[in-house]
Amino acid sequence: MINAYFDTPSNHDTDHSLTPIDLHFLSSQAGHDRQLVEELLRMFVKQVRSLANTVNREEDMEAVLRAAHTLKGTARAVGAA
């Protein structure tokens, strides 16, 4: 997915509307640094897995709400839908 975004002659020529993450937004946020985008995506995936695990297994509703709120912010930071 990242290669398709970075390897096109014009990033605007490719339809990215079906991707769950707005790579144009994320790339812009990362100063168009491909390595930084990849690192941010790795960190995002790691955090989403951890937060989803908390939401799915935690019995304390306050902890679930905190994890869900953090997940929402994390998704927004990378341009995830």
PDB file of N, CA and C in Angstrom:
ATOM      1  N   MET A   1       0.823  -1.178   0.000  1.00  0.00           N
ATOM      2  CA  MET A   1       0.000   0.000   0.000  1.00  0.00           C
ATOM      3  C   MET A   1       0.874   1.251   0.000  1.00  0.00           C
ATOM      4  N   ILE A   2       1.899   1.280   0.815  1.00  0.00           N
ATOM      5  CA  ILE A   2       2.772   2.451   0.864  1.00  0.00           C
ATOM      6  C   ILE A   2       3.496   2.622  -0.459  1.00  0.00           C
ATOM      7  N   ASN A   3       3.991   1.528  -1.015  1.00  0.00           N
ATOM      8  CA  ASN A   3       4.699   1.609  -2.288  1.00  0.00           C
ATOM      9  C   ASN A   3       3.804   2.166  -3.387  1.00  0.00           C
ATOM     10  N   ALA A   4       2.562   1.761  -3.402  1.00  0.00           N
ATOM     11  CA  ALA A   4       1.635   2.272  -4.424  1.00  0.00           C
ATOM     12  C   ALA A   4       1.479   3.776  -4.293  1.00  0.00           C
ATOM     13  N   TYR A   5       1.518   4.268  -3.087  1.00  0.00           N
ATOM     14  CA  TYR A   5       1.376   5.712  -2.877  1.00  0.00           C
ATOM     15  C   TYR A   5       2.642   6.451  -3.287  1.00  0.00           C
ATOM     16  N   PHE A   6       3.781   6.007  -2.817  1.00  0.00           N
ATOM     17  CA  PHE A   6       5.020   6.723  -3.057  1.00  0.00           C
ATOM     18  C   PHE A   6       5.595   6.513  -4.454  1.00  0.00           C
ATOM     19  N   ASP A   7       5.266   5.398  -5.097  1.00  0.00           N
ATOM     20  CA  ASP A   7       5.887   5.079  -6.377  1.00  0.00           C
ATOM     21  C   ASP A   7       5.099   5.556  -7.590  1.00  0.00           C
ATOM     22  N   THR A   8       3.986   6.238  -7.398  1.00  0.00           N
ATOM     23  CA  THR A   8       3.238   6.750  -8.544  1.00  0.00           C
ATOM     24  C   THR A   8       3.823   8.091  -8.973  1.00  0.00           C
ATOM     25  N   PRO A   9       3.807   8.374 -10.283  1.00  0.00           N
ATOM     26  CA  PRO A   9       4.350   9.641 -10.763  1.00  0.00           C
ATOM     27  C   PRO A   9       3.688  10.847 -10.094  1.00  0.00           C
ATOM     28  N   SER A  10       2.392  10.777  -9.925  1.00  0.00           N
ATOM     29  CA  SER A  10       1.678  11.833  -9.223  1.00  0.00           C
ATOM     30  C   SER A  10       0.792  11.167  -8.192  1.00  0.00           C
ATOM     31  N   ASN A  11       1.022  11.457  -6.942  1.00  0.00           N
ATOM     32  CA  ASN A  11       0.252  10.818  -5.878  1.00  0.00           C
ATOM     33  C   ASN A  11      -1.240  11.085  -6.004  1.00  0.00           C
ATOM     34  N   HIS A  12      -1.623  12.127  -6.697  1.00  0.00           N
ATOM     35  CA  HIS A  12      -3.030  12.457  -6.832  1.00  0.00           C
ATOM     36  C   HIS A  12      -3.696  11.676  -7.957  1.00  0.00           C
ATOM     37  N   ASP A  13      -2.919  10.960  -8.792  1.00  0.00           N
ATOM     38  CA  ASP A  13      -3.486  10.181  -9.888  1.00  0.00           C
ATOM     39  C   ASP A  13      -4.028   8.834  -9.423  1.00  0.00           C
ATOM     40  N   THR A  14      -3.661   8.393  -8.254  1.00  0.00           N
ATOM     41  CA  THR A  14      -4.076   7.100  -7.740  1.00  0.00           C
ATOM     42  C   THR A  14      -5.277   7.273  -6.828  1.00  0.00           C
ATOM     43  N   ASP A  15      -6.268   6.394  -6.974  1.00  0.00           N
ATOM     44  CA  ASP A  15      -7.456   6.464  -6.132  1.00  0.00           C
ATOM     45  C   ASP A  15      -7.161   5.800  -4.797  1.00  0.00           C
ATOM     46  N   HIS A  16      -7.007   6.612  -3.766  1.00  0.00           N
ATOM     47  CA  HIS A  16      -6.737   6.094  -2.431  1.00  0.00           C
ATOM     48  C   HIS A  16      -7.987   6.101  -1.564  1.00  0.00           C
ATOM     49  N   SER A  17      -9.139   6.305  -2.179  1.00  0.00           N
ATOM     50  CA  SER A  17     -10.371   6.419  -1.411  1.00  0.00           C
ATOM     51  C   SER A  17     -10.763   5.103  -0.740  1.00  0.00           C
ATOM     52  N   LEU A  18     -10.212   3.992  -1.209  1.00  0.00           N
ATOM     53  CA  LEU A  18     -10.555   2.701  -0.634  1.00  0.00           C
ATOM     54  C   LEU A  18      -9.593   2.262   0.459  1.00  0.00           C
ATOM     55  N   THR A  19      -8.549   3.022   0.701  1.00  0.00           N
ATOM     56  CA  THR A  19      -7.601   2.657   1.748  1.00  0.00           C
ATOM     57  C   THR A  19      -8.109   3.168   3.092  1.00  0.00           C
ATOM     58  N   PRO A  20      -7.903   2.396   4.155  1.00  0.00           N
ATOM     59  CA  PRO A  20      -8.405   2.821   5.467  1.00  0.00           C
ATOM     60  C   PRO A  20      -7.615   3.979   6.073  1.00  0.00           C
ATOM     61  N   ILE A  21      -6.439   4.264   5.527  1.00  0.00           N
ATOM     62  CA  ILE A  21      -5.599   5.345   6.028  1.00  0.00           C
ATOM     63  C   ILE A  21      -5.349   6.328   4.892  1.00  0.00           C
ATOM     64  N   ASP A  22      -5.538   7.584   5.175  1.00  0.00           N
ATOM     65  CA  ASP A  22      -5.293   8.637   4.192  1.00  0.00           C
ATOM     66  C   ASP A  22      -3.783   8.865   4.109  1.00  0.00           C
ATOM     67  N   LEU A  23      -3.142   8.177   3.178  1.00  0.00           N
ATOM     68  CA  LEU A  23      -1.684   8.257   3.064  1.00  0.00           C
ATOM     69  C   LEU A  23      -1.209   9.639   2.631  1.00  0.00           C
ATOM     70  N   HIS A  24      -2.033  10.355   1.895  1.00  0.00           N
ATOM     71  CA  HIS A  24      -1.671  11.724   1.515  1.00  0.00           C
ATOM     72  C   HIS A  24      -1.563  12.590   2.780  1.00  0.00           C
ATOM     73  N   PHE A  25      -2.547  12.480   3.654  1.00  0.00           N
ATOM     74  CA  PHE A  25      -2.542  13.219   4.918  1.00  0.00           C
ATOM     75  C   PHE A  25      -1.343  12.809   5.770  1.00  0.00           C
ATOM     76  N   LEU A  26      -1.143  11.510   5.926  1.00  0.00           N
ATOM     77  CA  LEU A  26      -0.055  11.019   6.765  1.00  0.00           C
ATOM     78  C   LEU A  26       1.295  11.449   6.216  1.00  0.00           C
ATOM     79  N   SER A  27       1.472  11.337   4.913  1.00  0.00           N
ATOM     80  CA  SER A  27       2.723  11.756   4.292  1.00  0.00           C
ATOM     81  C   SER A  27       2.961  13.247   4.509  1.00  0.00           C
ATOM     82  N   SER A  28       1.924  14.021   4.377  1.00  0.00           N
ATOM     83  CA  SER A  28       2.036  15.466   4.604  1.00  0.00           C
ATOM     84  C   SER A  28       2.436  15.750   6.050  1.00  0.00           C
ATOM     85  N   GLN A  29       1.819  15.047   6.984  1.00  0.00           N
ATOM     86  CA  GLN A  29       2.138  15.219   8.397  1.00  0.00           C
ATOM     87  C   GLN A  29       3.587  14.827   8.696  1.00  0.00           C
ATOM     88  N   ALA A  30       4.107  13.875   7.924  1.00  0.00           N
ATOM     89  CA  ALA A  30       5.463  13.365   8.145  1.00  0.00           C
ATOM     90  C   ALA A  30       6.494  14.057   7.257  1.00  0.00           C
ATOM     91  N   GLY A  31       6.120  15.162   6.651  1.00  0.00           N
ATOM     92  CA  GLY A  31       7.061  15.894   5.799  1.00  0.00           C
ATOM     93  C   GLY A  31       7.460  15.121   4.561  1.00  0.00           C
ATOM     94  N   HIS A  32       6.580  14.252   4.085  1.00  0.00           N
ATOM     95  CA  HIS A  32       6.808  13.427   2.887  1.00  0.00           C
ATOM     96  C   HIS A  32       8.049  12.541   3.033  1.00  0.00           C
ATOM     97  N   ASP A  33       8.336  12.157   4.263  1.00  0.00           N
ATOM     98  CA  ASP A  33       9.464  11.268   4.569  1.00  0.00           C
ATOM     99  C   ASP A  33       8.945   9.833   4.618  1.00  0.00           C
ATOM    100  N   ARG A  34       9.279   9.061   3.601  1.00  0.00           N
ATOM    101  CA  ARG A  34       8.752   7.701   3.468  1.00  0.00           C
ATOM    102  C   ARG A  34       9.103   6.823   4.674  1.00  0.00           C
ATOM    103  N   GLN A  35      10.331   6.917   5.151  1.00  0.00           N
ATOM    104  CA  GLN A  35      10.730   6.096   6.298  1.00  0.00           C
ATOM    105  C   GLN A  35       9.939   6.474   7.549  1.00  0.00           C
ATOM    106  N   LEU A  36       9.680   7.752   7.721  1.00  0.00           N
ATOM    107  CA  LEU A  36       8.888   8.188   8.865  1.00  0.00           C
ATOM    108  C   LEU A  36       7.452   7.700   8.739  1.00  0.00           C
ATOM    109  N   VAL A  37       6.884   7.752   7.547  1.00  0.00           N
ATOM    110  CA  VAL A  37       5.526   7.239   7.329  1.00  0.00           C
ATOM    111  C   VAL A  37       5.469   5.762   7.694  1.00  0.00           C
ATOM    112  N   GLU A  38       6.439   4.995   7.239  1.00  0.00           N
ATOM    113  CA  GLU A  38       6.459   3.561   7.542  1.00  0.00           C
ATOM    114  C   GLU A  38       6.579   3.311   9.041  1.00  0.00           C
ATOM    115  N   GLU A  39       7.422   4.078   9.721  1.00  0.00           N
ATOM    116  CA  GLU A  39       7.586   3.929  11.170  1.00  0.00           C
ATOM    117  C   GLU A  39       6.295   4.310  11.899  1.00  0.00           C
ATOM    118  N   LEU A  40       5.663   5.385  11.472  1.00  0.00           N
ATOM    119  CA  LEU A  40       4.400   5.796  12.085  1.00  0.00           C
ATOM    120  C   LEU A  40       3.330   4.730  11.904  1.00  0.00           C
ATOM    121  N   LEU A  41       3.295   4.106  10.734  1.00  0.00           N
ATOM    122  CA  LEU A  41       2.317   3.040  10.496  1.00  0.00           C
ATOM    123  C   LEU A  41       2.607   1.815  11.360  1.00  0.00           C
ATOM    124  N   ARG A  42       3.877   1.466  11.519  1.00  0.00           N
ATOM    125  CA  ARG A  42       4.223   0.345  12.404  1.00  0.00           C
ATOM    126  C   ARG A  42       3.780   0.646  13.837  1.00  0.00           C
ATOM    127  N   MET A  43       4.042   1.859  14.295  1.00  0.00           N
ATOM    128  CA  MET A  43       3.642   2.250  15.645  1.00  0.00           C
ATOM    129  C   MET A  43       2.124   2.253  15.790  1.00  0.00           C
ATOM    130  N   PHE A  44       1.434   2.717  14.749  1.00  0.00           N
ATOM    131  CA  PHE A  44      -0.028   2.742  14.753  1.00  0.00           C
ATOM    132  C   PHE A  44      -0.592   1.329  14.889  1.00  0.00           C
ATOM    133  N   VAL A  45      -0.087   0.411  14.091  1.00  0.00           N
ATOM    134  CA  VAL A  45      -0.577  -0.973  14.136  1.00  0.00           C
ATOM    135  C   VAL A  45      -0.338  -1.578  15.523  1.00  0.00           C
ATOM    136  N   LYS A  46       0.833  -1.350  16.081  1.00  0.00           N
ATOM    137  CA  LYS A  46       1.161  -1.885  17.410  1.00  0.00           C
ATOM    138  C   LYS A  46       0.203  -1.320  18.465  1.00  0.00           C
ATOM    139  N   GLN A  47      -0.042  -0.016  18.412  1.00  0.00           N
ATOM    140  CA  GLN A  47      -0.922   0.598  19.395  1.00  0.00           C
ATOM    141  C   GLN A  47      -2.368   0.155  19.204  1.00  0.00           C
ATOM    142  N   VAL A  48      -2.810   0.036  17.968  1.00  0.00           N
ATOM    143  CA  VAL A  48      -4.186  -0.414  17.710  1.00  0.00           C
ATOM    144  C   VAL A  48      -4.395  -1.824  18.254  1.00  0.00           C
ATOM    145  N   ARG A  49      -3.435  -2.693  18.039  1.00  0.00           N
ATOM    146  CA  ARG A  49      -3.569  -4.065  18.567  1.00  0.00           C
ATOM    147  C   ARG A  49      -3.703  -4.056  20.081  1.00  0.00           C
ATOM    148  N   SER A  50      -2.871  -3.264  20.737  1.00  0.00           N
ATOM    149  CA  SER A  50      -2.912  -3.187  22.192  1.00  0.00           C
ATOM    150  C   SER A  50      -4.229  -2.600  22.685  1.00  0.00           C
ATOM    151  N   LEU A  51      -4.664  -1.520  22.071  1.00  0.00           N
ATOM    152  CA  LEU A  51      -5.911  -0.880  22.491  1.00  0.00           C
ATOM    153  C   LEU A  51      -7.123  -1.757  22.197  1.00  0.00           C
ATOM    154  N   ALA A  52      -7.131  -2.420  21.054  1.00  0.00           N
ATOM    155  CA  ALA A  52      -8.237  -3.324  20.720  1.00  0.00           C
ATOM    156  C   ALA A  52      -8.304  -4.471  21.716  1.00  0.00           C
ATOM    157  N   ASN A  53      -7.146  -4.956  22.119  1.00  0.00           N
ATOM    158  CA  ASN A  53      -7.094  -6.019  23.122  1.00  0.00           C
ATOM    159  C   ASN A  53      -7.703  -5.525  24.432  1.00  0.00           C
ATOM    160  N   THR A  54      -7.371  -4.318  24.823  1.00  0.00           N
ATOM    161  CA  THR A  54      -7.941  -3.742  26.045  1.00  0.00           C
ATOM    162  C   THR A  54      -9.450  -3.613  25.930  1.00  0.00           C
ATOM    163  N   VAL A  55      -9.924  -3.080  24.821  1.00  0.00           N
ATOM    164  CA  VAL A  55     -11.372  -2.902  24.622  1.00  0.00           C
ATOM    165  C   VAL A  55     -12.083  -4.249  24.652  1.00  0.00           C
ATOM    166  N   ASN A  56     -11.493  -5.260  24.043  1.00  0.00           N
ATOM    167  CA  ASN A  56     -12.145  -6.571  23.953  1.00  0.00           C
ATOM    168  C   ASN A  56     -12.088  -7.383  25.241  1.00  0.00           C
ATOM    169  N   ARG A  57     -11.077  -7.150  26.078  1.00  0.00           N
ATOM    170  CA  ARG A  57     -10.900  -8.025  27.243  1.00  0.00           C
ATOM    171  C   ARG A  57     -11.118  -7.351  28.595  1.00  0.00           C
ATOM    172  N   GLU A  58     -11.070  -6.067  28.632  1.00  0.00           N
ATOM    173  CA  GLU A  58     -11.187  -5.340  29.897  1.00  0.00           C
ATOM    174  C   GLU A  58     -12.628  -5.352  30.389  1.00  0.00           C
ATOM    175  N   GLU A  59     -12.787  -5.583  31.674  1.00  0.00           N
ATOM    176  CA  GLU A  59     -14.125  -5.556  32.259  1.00  0.00           C
ATOM    177  C   GLU A  59     -14.447  -4.208  32.883  1.00  0.00           C
ATOM    178  N   ASP A  60     -13.441  -3.431  33.193  1.00  0.00           N
ATOM    179  CA  ASP A  60     -13.624  -2.104  33.779  1.00  0.00           C
ATOM    180  C   ASP A  60     -14.041  -1.135  32.677  1.00  0.00           C
ATOM    181  N   MET A  61     -15.272  -0.665  32.736  1.00  0.00           N
ATOM    182  CA  MET A  61     -15.803   0.191  31.676  1.00  0.00           C
ATOM    183  C   MET A  61     -14.991   1.472  31.522  1.00  0.00           C
ATOM    184  N   GLU A  62     -14.483   2.010  32.604  1.00  0.00           N
ATOM    185  CA  GLU A  62     -13.660   3.224  32.525  1.00  0.00           C
ATOM    186  C   GLU A  62     -12.401   2.969  31.692  1.00  0.00           C
ATOM    187  N   ALA A  63     -11.781   1.824  31.869  1.00  0.00           N
ATOM    188  CA  ALA A  63     -10.590   1.461  31.090  1.00  0.00           C
ATOM    189  C   ALA A  63     -10.946   1.267  29.618  1.00  0.00           C
ATOM    190  N   VAL A  64     -12.099   0.690  29.355  1.00  0.00           N
ATOM    191  CA  VAL A  64     -12.568   0.499  27.973  1.00  0.00           C
ATOM    192  C   VAL A  64     -12.785   1.852  27.308  1.00  0.00           C
ATOM    193  N   LEU A  65     -13.429   2.767  28.010  1.00  0.00           N
ATOM    194  CA  LEU A  65     -13.680   4.097  27.449  1.00  0.00           C
ATOM    195  C   LEU A  65     -12.381   4.855  27.192  1.00  0.00           C
ATOM    196  N   ARG A  66     -11.412   4.744  28.105  1.00  0.00           N
ATOM    197  CA  ARG A  66     -10.113   5.395  27.889  1.00  0.00           C
ATOM    198  C   ARG A  66      -9.417   4.815  26.667  1.00  0.00           C
ATOM    199  N   ALA A  67      -9.435   3.490  26.548  1.00  0.00           N
ATOM    200  CA  ALA A  67      -8.789   2.832  25.403  1.00  0.00           C
ATOM    201  C   ALA A  67      -9.477   3.226  24.102  1.00  0.00           C
ATOM    202  N   ALA A  68     -10.800   3.277  24.106  1.00  0.00           N
ATOM    203  CA  ALA A  68     -11.539   3.657  22.900  1.00  0.00           C
ATOM    204  C   ALA A  68     -11.236   5.104  22.516  1.00  0.00           C
ATOM    205  N   HIS A  69     -11.161   5.975  23.501  1.00  0.00           N
ATOM    206  CA  HIS A  69     -10.846   7.385  23.232  1.00  0.00           C
ATOM    207  C   HIS A  69      -9.427   7.515  22.668  1.00  0.00           C
ATOM    208  N   THR A  70      -8.488   6.784  23.240  1.00  0.00           N
ATOM    209  CA  THR A  70      -7.107   6.800  22.748  1.00  0.00           C
ATOM    210  C   THR A  70      -7.040   6.244  21.333  1.00  0.00           C
ATOM    211  N   LEU A  71      -7.784   5.189  21.070  1.00  0.00           N
ATOM    212  CA  LEU A  71      -7.830   4.598  19.731  1.00  0.00           C
ATOM    213  C   LEU A  71      -8.351   5.602  18.707  1.00  0.00           C
ATOM    214  N   LYS A  72      -9.379   6.338  19.077  1.00  0.00           N
ATOM    215  CA  LYS A  72      -9.935   7.346  18.178  1.00  0.00           C
ATOM    216  C   LYS A  72      -8.883   8.416  17.851  1.00  0.00           C
ATOM    217  N   GLY A  73      -8.172   8.884  18.857  1.00  0.00           N
ATOM    218  CA  GLY A  73      -7.130   9.887  18.641  1.00  0.00           C
ATOM    219  C   GLY A  73      -5.979   9.352  17.831  1.00  0.00           C
ATOM    220  N   THR A  74      -5.604   8.125  18.092  1.00  0.00           N
ATOM    221  CA  THR A  74      -4.513   7.488  17.351  1.00  0.00           C
ATOM    222  C   THR A  74      -4.882   7.357  15.874  1.00  0.00           C
ATOM    223  N   ALA A  75      -6.099   6.950  15.617  1.00  0.00           N
ATOM    224  CA  ALA A  75      -6.561   6.804  14.229  1.00  0.00           C
ATOM    225  C   ALA A  75      -6.585   8.153  13.522  1.00  0.00           C
ATOM    226  N   ARG A  76      -7.068   9.166  14.222  1.00  0.00           N
ATOM    227  CA  ARG A  76      -7.135  10.495  13.623  1.00  0.00           C
ATOM    228  C   ARG A  76      -5.725  11.015  13.285  1.00  0.00           C
ATOM    229  N   ALA A  77      -4.756  10.712  14.124  1.00  0.00           N
ATOM    230  CA  ALA A  77      -3.400  11.200  13.924  1.00  0.00           C
ATOM    231  C   ALA A  77      -2.755  10.687  12.630  1.00  0.00           C
ATOM    232  N   VAL A  78      -3.156   9.482  12.199  1.00  0.00           N
ATOM    233  CA  VAL A  78      -2.585   8.932  10.967  1.00  0.00           C
ATOM    234  C   VAL A  78      -3.537   9.051   9.782  1.00  0.00           C
ATOM    235  N   GLY A  79      -4.683   9.662  10.002  1.00  0.00           N
ATOM    236  CA  GLY A  79      -5.644   9.835   8.916  1.00  0.00           C
ATOM    237  C   GLY A  79      -6.438   8.573   8.626  1.00  0.00           C
ATOM    238  N   ALA A  80      -6.633   7.763   9.656  1.00  0.00           N
ATOM    239  CA  ALA A  80      -7.417   6.522   9.469  1.00  0.00           C
ATOM    240  C   ALA A  80      -8.901   6.829   9.496  1.00  0.00           C
ATOM    241  N   ALA A  81      -9.628   6.113   8.661  1.00  0.00           N
ATOM    242  CA  ALA A  81     -11.090   6.299   8.588  1.00  0.00           C
ATOM    243  C   ALA A  81     -11.784   5.497   9.655  1.00  0.00           C
TER     244      ALA A  81
END
